[in-house]
Amino acid sequence: LSSSIFIWQHFTRLTPDEVLEVIPLFHPVWADADPDDITF
């Protein structure tokens, strides 16, 4: 299995600022959501 992996990637959690920037772009459900609801 290991030999099938071309590049190992490490992912970190989104910061609160990144969440407010990325999540509205992720899916239309969040596009018009109140930023306070996204933070919640």
ModelCIF file with pLDDT and N, C-alpha, C, O atoms, coordinates in Angstrom:
data_MODEL
#
_entry.id   MODEL 
#
_entity.id                         1 
_entity.type                       polymer 
_entity.pdbx_number_of_molecules   1 
#
_entity_poly.entity_id                      1 
_entity_poly.type                           'polypeptide(L)' 
_entity_poly.nstd_linkage                   no 
_entity_poly.nstd_monomer                   no 
_entity_poly.pdbx_seq_one_letter_code       LSSSIFIWQHFTRLTPDEVLEVIPLFHPVWADADPDDITF 
_entity_poly.pdbx_seq_one_letter_code_can   LSSSIFIWQHFTRLTPDEVLEVIPLFHPVWADADPDDITF 
_entity_poly.pdbx_strand_id                 A 
#
loop_
_entity_poly_seq.entity_id 
_entity_poly_seq.num 
_entity_poly_seq.mon_id 
_entity_poly_seq.hetero 
1 1  LEU n 
1 2  SER n 
1 3  SER n 
1 4  SER n 
1 5  ILE n 
1 6  PHE n 
1 7  ILE n 
1 8  TRP n 
1 9  GLN n 
1 10 HIS n 
1 11 PHE n 
1 12 THR n 
1 13 ARG n 
1 14 LEU n 
1 15 THR n 
1 16 PRO n 
1 17 ASP n 
1 18 GLU n 
1 19 VAL n 
1 20 LEU n 
1 21 GLU n 
1 22 VAL n 
1 23 ILE n 
1 24 PRO n 
1 25 LEU n 
1 26 PHE n 
1 27 HIS n 
1 28 PRO n 
1 29 VAL n 
1 30 TRP n 
1 31 ALA n 
1 32 ASP n 
1 33 ALA n 
1 34 ASP n 
1 35 PRO n 
1 36 ASP n 
1 37 ASP n 
1 38 ILE n 
1 39 THR n 
1 40 PHE n 
#
_struct_asym.id          A 
_struct_asym.entity_id   1 
#
loop_
_ma_qa_metric.id 
_ma_qa_metric.mode 
_ma_qa_metric.name 
_ma_qa_metric.software_group_id 
_ma_qa_metric.type 
1 global pLDDT . pLDDT 
2 local  pLDDT . pLDDT 
#
_ma_qa_metric_global.metric_id      1 
_ma_qa_metric_global.metric_value   90.20 
_ma_qa_metric_global.model_id       1 
_ma_qa_metric_global.ordinal_id     1 
#
loop_
_ma_qa_metric_local.label_asym_id 
_ma_qa_metric_local.label_comp_id 
_ma_qa_metric_local.label_seq_id 
_ma_qa_metric_local.metric_id 
_ma_qa_metric_local.metric_value 
_ma_qa_metric_local.model_id 
_ma_qa_metric_local.ordinal_id 
A LEU 1  2 67.00 1 1  
A SER 2  2 66.00 1 2  
A SER 3  2 68.00 1 3  
A SER 4  2 72.00 1 4  
A ILE 5  2 67.00 1 5  
A PHE 6  2 69.00 1 6  
A ILE 7  2 74.00 1 7  
A TRP 8  2 70.00 1 8  
A GLN 9  2 77.00 1 9  
A HIS 10 2 79.00 1 10 
A PHE 11 2 83.00 1 11 
A THR 12 2 90.00 1 12 
A ARG 13 2 96.00 1 13 
A LEU 14 2 96.00 1 14 
A THR 15 2 97.00 1 15 
A PRO 16 2 97.00 1 16 
A ASP 17 2 98.00 1 17 
A GLU 18 2 97.00 1 18 
A VAL 19 2 98.00 1 19 
A LEU 20 2 98.00 1 20 
A GLU 21 2 98.00 1 21 
A VAL 22 2 97.00 1 22 
A ILE 23 2 98.00 1 23 
A PRO 24 2 98.00 1 24 
A LEU 25 2 98.00 1 25 
A PHE 26 2 97.00 1 26 
A HIS 27 2 97.00 1 27 
A PRO 28 2 97.00 1 28 
A VAL 29 2 96.00 1 29 
A TRP 30 2 98.00 1 30 
A ALA 31 2 97.00 1 31 
A ASP 32 2 95.00 1 32 
A ALA 33 2 97.00 1 33 
A ASP 34 2 98.00 1 34 
A PRO 35 2 98.00 1 35 
A ASP 36 2 98.00 1 36 
A ASP 37 2 98.00 1 37 
A ILE 38 2 98.00 1 38 
A THR 39 2 98.00 1 39 
A PHE 40 2 98.00 1 40 
#
loop_
_atom_site.group_PDB 
_atom_site.id 
_atom_site.type_symbol 
_atom_site.label_atom_id 
_atom_site.label_alt_id 
_atom_site.label_comp_id 
_atom_site.label_asym_id 
_atom_site.label_entity_id 
_atom_site.label_seq_id 
_atom_site.pdbx_PDB_ins_code 
_atom_site.Cartn_x 
_atom_site.Cartn_y 
_atom_site.Cartn_z 
_atom_site.occupancy 
_atom_site.B_iso_or_equiv 
_atom_site.pdbx_formal_charge 
_atom_site.auth_seq_id 
_atom_site.auth_comp_id 
_atom_site.auth_asym_id 
_atom_site.auth_atom_id 
_atom_site.pdbx_PDB_model_num 
ATOM 1   N N  . LEU A 1 1  ? 0.828   -1.206 0.000  1.00 67.00 ? 1  LEU A N  1 
ATOM 2   C CA . LEU A 1 1  ? 0.000   0.000  0.000  1.00 67.00 ? 1  LEU A CA 1 
ATOM 3   C C  . LEU A 1 1  ? 0.861   1.255  0.000  1.00 67.00 ? 1  LEU A C  1 
ATOM 4   O O  . LEU A 1 1  ? 0.580   2.212  -0.721 1.00 67.00 ? 1  LEU A O  1 
ATOM 5   N N  . SER A 1 2  ? 1.897   1.243  0.803  1.00 66.00 ? 2  SER A N  1 
ATOM 6   C CA . SER A 1 2  ? 2.765   2.401  0.940  1.00 66.00 ? 2  SER A CA 1 
ATOM 7   C C  . SER A 1 2  ? 3.418   2.775  -0.384 1.00 66.00 ? 2  SER A C  1 
ATOM 8   O O  . SER A 1 2  ? 3.571   3.959  -0.684 1.00 66.00 ? 2  SER A O  1 
ATOM 9   N N  . SER A 1 3  ? 3.800   1.793  -1.170 1.00 68.00 ? 3  SER A N  1 
ATOM 10  C CA . SER A 1 3  ? 4.468   2.071  -2.445 1.00 68.00 ? 3  SER A CA 1 
ATOM 11  C C  . SER A 1 3  ? 3.506   2.694  -3.461 1.00 68.00 ? 3  SER A C  1 
ATOM 12  O O  . SER A 1 3  ? 3.946   3.255  -4.465 1.00 68.00 ? 3  SER A O  1 
ATOM 13  N N  . SER A 1 4  ? 2.220   2.602  -3.212 1.00 72.00 ? 4  SER A N  1 
ATOM 14  C CA . SER A 1 4  ? 1.236   3.178  -4.129 1.00 72.00 ? 4  SER A CA 1 
ATOM 15  C C  . SER A 1 4  ? 1.023   4.674  -3.909 1.00 72.00 ? 4  SER A C  1 
ATOM 16  O O  . SER A 1 4  ? 0.399   5.345  -4.730 1.00 72.00 ? 4  SER A O  1 
ATOM 17  N N  . ILE A 1 5  ? 1.541   5.186  -2.807 1.00 67.00 ? 5  ILE A N  1 
ATOM 18  C CA . ILE A 1 5  ? 1.387   6.600  -2.487 1.00 67.00 ? 5  ILE A CA 1 
ATOM 19  C C  . ILE A 1 5  ? 2.516   7.382  -3.143 1.00 67.00 ? 5  ILE A C  1 
ATOM 20  O O  . ILE A 1 5  ? 3.694   7.140  -2.881 1.00 67.00 ? 5  ILE A O  1 
ATOM 21  N N  . PHE A 1 6  ? 2.134   8.325  -3.999 1.00 69.00 ? 6  PHE A N  1 
ATOM 22  C CA . PHE A 1 6  ? 3.144   9.123  -4.698 1.00 69.00 ? 6  PHE A CA 1 
ATOM 23  C C  . PHE A 1 6  ? 3.714   10.208 -3.786 1.00 69.00 ? 6  PHE A C  1 
ATOM 24  O O  . PHE A 1 6  ? 4.931   10.361 -3.683 1.00 69.00 ? 6  PHE A O  1 
ATOM 25  N N  . ILE A 1 7  ? 2.840   10.953 -3.131 1.00 74.00 ? 7  ILE A N  1 
ATOM 26  C CA . ILE A 1 7  ? 3.262   12.024 -2.226 1.00 74.00 ? 7  ILE A CA 1 
ATOM 27  C C  . ILE A 1 7  ? 2.397   11.959 -0.971 1.00 74.00 ? 7  ILE A C  1 
ATOM 28  O O  . ILE A 1 7  ? 1.171   11.895 -1.060 1.00 74.00 ? 7  ILE A O  1 
ATOM 29  N N  . TRP A 1 8  ? 3.032   11.974 0.192  1.00 70.00 ? 8  TRP A N  1 
ATOM 30  C CA . TRP A 1 8  ? 2.298   12.018 1.457  1.00 70.00 ? 8  TRP A CA 1 
ATOM 31  C C  . TRP A 1 8  ? 1.987   13.468 1.770  1.00 70.00 ? 8  TRP A C  1 
ATOM 32  O O  . TRP A 1 8  ? 2.867   14.327 1.714  1.00 70.00 ? 8  TRP A O  1 
ATOM 33  N N  . GLN A 1 9  ? 0.745   13.736 2.098  1.00 77.00 ? 9  GLN A N  1 
ATOM 34  C CA . GLN A 1 9  ? 0.311   15.094 2.430  1.00 77.00 ? 9  GLN A CA 1 
ATOM 35  C C  . GLN A 1 9  ? -0.154  15.139 3.879  1.00 77.00 ? 9  GLN A C  1 
ATOM 36  O O  . GLN A 1 9  ? -0.849  14.240 4.353  1.00 77.00 ? 9  GLN A O  1 
ATOM 37  N N  . HIS A 1 10 ? 0.236   16.181 4.561  1.00 79.00 ? 10 HIS A N  1 
ATOM 38  C CA . HIS A 1 10 ? -0.231  16.405 5.926  1.00 79.00 ? 10 HIS A CA 1 
ATOM 39  C C  . HIS A 1 10 ? -1.238  17.549 5.889  1.00 79.00 ? 10 HIS A C  1 
ATOM 40  O O  . HIS A 1 10 ? -0.937  18.622 5.366  1.00 79.00 ? 10 HIS A O  1 
ATOM 41  N N  . PHE A 1 11 ? -2.419  17.330 6.433  1.00 83.00 ? 11 PHE A N  1 
ATOM 42  C CA . PHE A 1 11 ? -3.449  18.355 6.461  1.00 83.00 ? 11 PHE A CA 1 
ATOM 43  C C  . PHE A 1 11 ? -3.629  18.847 7.886  1.00 83.00 ? 11 PHE A C  1 
ATOM 44  O O  . PHE A 1 11 ? -3.624  18.063 8.835  1.00 83.00 ? 11 PHE A O  1 
ATOM 45  N N  . THR A 1 12 ? -3.785  20.136 8.020  1.00 90.00 ? 12 THR A N  1 
ATOM 46  C CA . THR A 1 12 ? -4.051  20.729 9.329  1.00 90.00 ? 12 THR A CA 1 
ATOM 47  C C  . THR A 1 12 ? -5.479  21.288 9.330  1.00 90.00 ? 12 THR A C  1 
ATOM 48  O O  . THR A 1 12 ? -6.087  21.492 8.280  1.00 90.00 ? 12 THR A O  1 
ATOM 49  N N  . ARG A 1 13 ? -5.980  21.523 10.510 1.00 96.00 ? 13 ARG A N  1 
ATOM 50  C CA . ARG A 1 13 ? -7.325  22.088 10.635 1.00 96.00 ? 13 ARG A CA 1 
ATOM 51  C C  . ARG A 1 13 ? -7.344  23.509 10.081 1.00 96.00 ? 13 ARG A C  1 
ATOM 52  O O  . ARG A 1 13 ? -6.344  24.226 10.120 1.00 96.00 ? 13 ARG A O  1 
ATOM 53  N N  . LEU A 1 14 ? -8.494  23.890 9.570  1.00 96.00 ? 14 LEU A N  1 
ATOM 54  C CA . LEU A 1 14 ? -8.676  25.267 9.126  1.00 96.00 ? 14 LEU A CA 1 
ATOM 55  C C  . LEU A 1 14 ? -8.732  26.189 10.344 1.00 96.00 ? 14 LEU A C  1 
ATOM 56  O O  . LEU A 1 14 ? -9.318  25.840 11.369 1.00 96.00 ? 14 LEU A O  1 
ATOM 57  N N  . THR A 1 15 ? -8.136  27.333 10.228 1.00 97.00 ? 15 THR A N  1 
ATOM 58  C CA . THR A 1 15 ? -8.245  28.337 11.287 1.00 97.00 ? 15 THR A CA 1 
ATOM 59  C C  . THR A 1 15 ? -9.642  28.962 11.185 1.00 97.00 ? 15 THR A C  1 
ATOM 60  O O  . THR A 1 15 ? -10.302 28.829 10.155 1.00 97.00 ? 15 THR A O  1 
ATOM 61  N N  . PRO A 1 16 ? -10.094 29.639 12.239 1.00 97.00 ? 16 PRO A N  1 
ATOM 62  C CA . PRO A 1 16 ? -11.407 30.302 12.160 1.00 97.00 ? 16 PRO A CA 1 
ATOM 63  C C  . PRO A 1 16 ? -11.522 31.268 10.975 1.00 97.00 ? 16 PRO A C  1 
ATOM 64  O O  . PRO A 1 16 ? -12.572 31.339 10.336 1.00 97.00 ? 16 PRO A O  1 
ATOM 65  N N  . ASP A 1 17 ? -10.465 32.001 10.682 1.00 98.00 ? 17 ASP A N  1 
ATOM 66  C CA . ASP A 1 17 ? -10.492 32.914 9.534  1.00 98.00 ? 17 ASP A CA 1 
ATOM 67  C C  . ASP A 1 17 ? -10.582 32.144 8.220  1.00 98.00 ? 17 ASP A C  1 
ATOM 68  O O  . ASP A 1 17 ? -11.297 32.552 7.305  1.00 98.00 ? 17 ASP A O  1 
ATOM 69  N N  . GLU A 1 18 ? -9.856  31.029 8.127  1.00 97.00 ? 18 GLU A N  1 
ATOM 70  C CA . GLU A 1 18 ? -9.929  30.207 6.921  1.00 97.00 ? 18 GLU A CA 1 
ATOM 71  C C  . GLU A 1 18 ? -11.321 29.601 6.740  1.00 97.00 ? 18 GLU A C  1 
ATOM 72  O O  . GLU A 1 18 ? -11.820 29.502 5.620  1.00 97.00 ? 18 GLU A O  1 
ATOM 73  N N  . VAL A 1 19 ? -11.938 29.201 7.841  1.00 98.00 ? 19 VAL A N  1 
ATOM 74  C CA . VAL A 1 19 ? -13.298 28.656 7.771  1.00 98.00 ? 19 VAL A CA 1 
ATOM 75  C C  . VAL A 1 19 ? -14.237 29.687 7.156  1.00 98.00 ? 19 VAL A C  1 
ATOM 76  O O  . VAL A 1 19 ? -15.016 29.362 6.260  1.00 98.00 ? 19 VAL A O  1 
ATOM 77  N N  . LEU A 1 20 ? -14.165 30.927 7.632  1.00 98.00 ? 20 LEU A N  1 
ATOM 78  C CA . LEU A 1 20 ? -15.055 31.971 7.118  1.00 98.00 ? 20 LEU A CA 1 
ATOM 79  C C  . LEU A 1 20 ? -14.774 32.316 5.661  1.00 98.00 ? 20 LEU A C  1 
ATOM 80  O O  . LEU A 1 20 ? -15.657 32.799 4.952  1.00 98.00 ? 20 LEU A O  1 
ATOM 81  N N  . GLU A 1 21 ? -13.563 32.070 5.222  1.00 98.00 ? 21 GLU A N  1 
ATOM 82  C CA . GLU A 1 21 ? -13.201 32.336 3.827  1.00 98.00 ? 21 GLU A CA 1 
ATOM 83  C C  . GLU A 1 21 ? -13.557 31.167 2.908  1.00 98.00 ? 21 GLU A C  1 
ATOM 84  O O  . GLU A 1 21 ? -14.075 31.372 1.811  1.00 98.00 ? 21 GLU A O  1 
ATOM 85  N N  . VAL A 1 22 ? -13.281 29.943 3.357  1.00 97.00 ? 22 VAL A N  1 
ATOM 86  C CA . VAL A 1 22 ? -13.392 28.763 2.496  1.00 97.00 ? 22 VAL A CA 1 
ATOM 87  C C  . VAL A 1 22 ? -14.785 28.150 2.479  1.00 97.00 ? 22 VAL A C  1 
ATOM 88  O O  . VAL A 1 22 ? -15.283 27.795 1.410  1.00 97.00 ? 22 VAL A O  1 
ATOM 89  N N  . ILE A 1 23 ? -15.416 28.021 3.618  1.00 98.00 ? 23 ILE A N  1 
ATOM 90  C CA . ILE A 1 23 ? -16.678 27.280 3.702  1.00 98.00 ? 23 ILE A CA 1 
ATOM 91  C C  . ILE A 1 23 ? -17.793 27.893 2.839  1.00 98.00 ? 23 ILE A C  1 
ATOM 92  O O  . ILE A 1 23 ? -18.536 27.134 2.217  1.00 98.00 ? 23 ILE A O  1 
ATOM 93  N N  . PRO A 1 24 ? -17.950 29.222 2.768  1.00 98.00 ? 24 PRO A N  1 
ATOM 94  C CA . PRO A 1 24 ? -18.977 29.743 1.855  1.00 98.00 ? 24 PRO A CA 1 
ATOM 95  C C  . PRO A 1 24 ? -18.714 29.396 0.385  1.00 98.00 ? 24 PRO A C  1 
ATOM 96  O O  . PRO A 1 24 ? -19.647 29.378 -0.418 1.00 98.00 ? 24 PRO A O  1 
ATOM 97  N N  . LEU A 1 25 ? -17.483 29.127 0.031  1.00 98.00 ? 25 LEU A N  1 
ATOM 98  C CA . LEU A 1 25 ? -17.140 28.738 -1.337 1.00 98.00 ? 25 LEU A CA 1 
ATOM 99  C C  . LEU A 1 25 ? -17.271 27.238 -1.558 1.00 98.00 ? 25 LEU A C  1 
ATOM 100 O O  . LEU A 1 25 ? -17.366 26.777 -2.695 1.00 98.00 ? 25 LEU A O  1 
ATOM 101 N N  . PHE A 1 26 ? -17.275 26.480 -0.467 1.00 97.00 ? 26 PHE A N  1 
ATOM 102 C CA . PHE A 1 26 ? -17.312 25.014 -0.523 1.00 97.00 ? 26 PHE A CA 1 
ATOM 103 C C  . PHE A 1 26 ? -18.630 24.487 -1.063 1.00 97.00 ? 26 PHE A C  1 
ATOM 104 O O  . PHE A 1 26 ? -18.648 23.577 -1.891 1.00 97.00 ? 26 PHE A O  1 
ATOM 105 N N  . HIS A 1 27 ? -19.738 25.060 -0.593 1.00 97.00 ? 27 HIS A N  1 
ATOM 106 C CA . HIS A 1 27 ? -21.058 24.556 -0.997 1.00 97.00 ? 27 HIS A CA 1 
ATOM 107 C C  . HIS A 1 27 ? -22.066 25.706 -0.957 1.00 97.00 ? 27 HIS A C  1 
ATOM 108 O O  . HIS A 1 27 ? -21.982 26.575 -0.089 1.00 97.00 ? 27 HIS A O  1 
ATOM 109 N N  . PRO A 1 28 ? -23.026 25.712 -1.902 1.00 97.00 ? 28 PRO A N  1 
ATOM 110 C CA . PRO A 1 28 ? -24.033 26.786 -1.921 1.00 97.00 ? 28 PRO A CA 1 
ATOM 111 C C  . PRO A 1 28 ? -24.837 26.940 -0.623 1.00 97.00 ? 28 PRO A C  1 
ATOM 112 O O  . PRO A 1 28 ? -25.339 28.026 -0.333 1.00 97.00 ? 28 PRO A O  1 
ATOM 113 N N  . VAL A 1 29 ? -24.961 25.867 0.153  1.00 96.00 ? 29 VAL A N  1 
ATOM 114 C CA . VAL A 1 29 ? -25.667 25.955 1.440  1.00 96.00 ? 29 VAL A CA 1 
ATOM 115 C C  . VAL A 1 29 ? -25.052 27.044 2.317  1.00 96.00 ? 29 VAL A C  1 
ATOM 116 O O  . VAL A 1 29 ? -25.758 27.736 3.050  1.00 96.00 ? 29 VAL A O  1 
ATOM 117 N N  . TRP A 1 30 ? -23.743 27.186 2.233  1.00 98.00 ? 30 TRP A N  1 
ATOM 118 C CA . TRP A 1 30 ? -23.033 28.126 3.101  1.00 98.00 ? 30 TRP A CA 1 
ATOM 119 C C  . TRP A 1 30 ? -22.815 29.482 2.448  1.00 98.00 ? 30 TRP A C  1 
ATOM 120 O O  . TRP A 1 30 ? -22.396 30.426 3.117  1.00 98.00 ? 30 TRP A O  1 
ATOM 121 N N  . ALA A 1 31 ? -23.093 29.596 1.144  1.00 97.00 ? 31 ALA A N  1 
ATOM 122 C CA . ALA A 1 31 ? -22.797 30.832 0.412  1.00 97.00 ? 31 ALA A CA 1 
ATOM 123 C C  . ALA A 1 31 ? -23.515 32.046 0.991  1.00 97.00 ? 31 ALA A C  1 
ATOM 124 O O  . ALA A 1 31 ? -22.930 33.125 1.084  1.00 97.00 ? 31 ALA A O  1 
ATOM 125 N N  . ASP A 1 32 ? -24.777 31.879 1.382  1.00 95.00 ? 32 ASP A N  1 
ATOM 126 C CA . ASP A 1 32 ? -25.517 33.014 1.934  1.00 95.00 ? 32 ASP A CA 1 
ATOM 127 C C  . ASP A 1 32 ? -25.775 32.885 3.433  1.00 95.00 ? 32 ASP A C  1 
ATOM 128 O O  . ASP A 1 32 ? -26.599 33.603 3.999  1.00 95.00 ? 32 ASP A O  1 
ATOM 129 N N  . ALA A 1 33 ? -25.059 31.963 4.060  1.00 97.00 ? 33 ALA A N  1 
ATOM 130 C CA . ALA A 1 33 ? -25.209 31.779 5.513  1.00 97.00 ? 33 ALA A CA 1 
ATOM 131 C C  . ALA A 1 33 ? -24.580 32.953 6.257  1.00 97.00 ? 33 ALA A C  1 
ATOM 132 O O  . ALA A 1 33 ? -23.583 33.529 5.820  1.00 97.00 ? 33 ALA A O  1 
ATOM 133 N N  . ASP A 1 34 ? -25.174 33.281 7.364  1.00 98.00 ? 34 ASP A N  1 
ATOM 134 C CA . ASP A 1 34 ? -24.637 34.317 8.236  1.00 98.00 ? 34 ASP A CA 1 
ATOM 135 C C  . ASP A 1 34 ? -23.275 33.848 8.752  1.00 98.00 ? 34 ASP A C  1 
ATOM 136 O O  . ASP A 1 34 ? -23.161 32.713 9.213  1.00 98.00 ? 34 ASP A O  1 
ATOM 137 N N  . PRO A 1 35 ? -22.245 34.685 8.688  1.00 98.00 ? 35 PRO A N  1 
ATOM 138 C CA . PRO A 1 35 ? -20.931 34.286 9.208  1.00 98.00 ? 35 PRO A CA 1 
ATOM 139 C C  . PRO A 1 35 ? -20.979 33.826 10.664 1.00 98.00 ? 35 PRO A C  1 
ATOM 140 O O  . PRO A 1 35 ? -20.196 32.965 11.066 1.00 98.00 ? 35 PRO A O  1 
ATOM 141 N N  . ASP A 1 36 ? -21.888 34.392 11.455 1.00 98.00 ? 36 ASP A N  1 
ATOM 142 C CA . ASP A 1 36 ? -22.028 33.953 12.849 1.00 98.00 ? 36 ASP A CA 1 
ATOM 143 C C  . ASP A 1 36 ? -22.513 32.505 12.919 1.00 98.00 ? 36 ASP A C  1 
ATOM 144 O O  . ASP A 1 36 ? -22.114 31.760 13.814 1.00 98.00 ? 36 ASP A O  1 
ATOM 145 N N  . ASP A 1 37 ? -23.370 32.107 11.981 1.00 98.00 ? 37 ASP A N  1 
ATOM 146 C CA . ASP A 1 37 ? -23.839 30.719 11.953 1.00 98.00 ? 37 ASP A CA 1 
ATOM 147 C C  . ASP A 1 37 ? -22.726 29.768 11.512 1.00 98.00 ? 37 ASP A C  1 
ATOM 148 O O  . ASP A 1 37 ? -22.635 28.645 12.008 1.00 98.00 ? 37 ASP A O  1 
ATOM 149 N N  . ILE A 1 38 ? -21.892 30.209 10.593 1.00 98.00 ? 38 ILE A N  1 
ATOM 150 C CA . ILE A 1 38 ? -20.745 29.392 10.177 1.00 98.00 ? 38 ILE A CA 1 
ATOM 151 C C  . ILE A 1 38 ? -19.783 29.217 11.344 1.00 98.00 ? 38 ILE A C  1 
ATOM 152 O O  . ILE A 1 38 ? -19.292 28.116 11.592 1.00 98.00 ? 38 ILE A O  1 
ATOM 153 N N  . THR A 1 39 ? -19.518 30.297 12.054 1.00 98.00 ? 39 THR A N  1 
ATOM 154 C CA . THR A 1 39 ? -18.650 30.227 13.233 1.00 98.00 ? 39 THR A CA 1 
ATOM 155 C C  . THR A 1 39 ? -19.257 29.320 14.294 1.00 98.00 ? 39 THR A C  1 
ATOM 156 O O  . THR A 1 39 ? -18.548 28.535 14.923 1.00 98.00 ? 39 THR A O  1 
ATOM 157 N N  . PHE A 1 40 ? -20.568 29.426 14.494 1.00 98.00 ? 40 PHE A N  1 
ATOM 158 C CA . PHE A 1 40 ? -21.285 28.568 15.447 1.00 98.00 ? 40 PHE A CA 1 
ATOM 159 C C  . PHE A 1 40 ? -21.111 27.099 15.063 1.00 98.00 ? 40 PHE A C  1 
ATOM 160 O O  . PHE A 1 40 ? -21.639 26.218 15.741 1.00 98.00 ? 40 PHE A O  1 
#
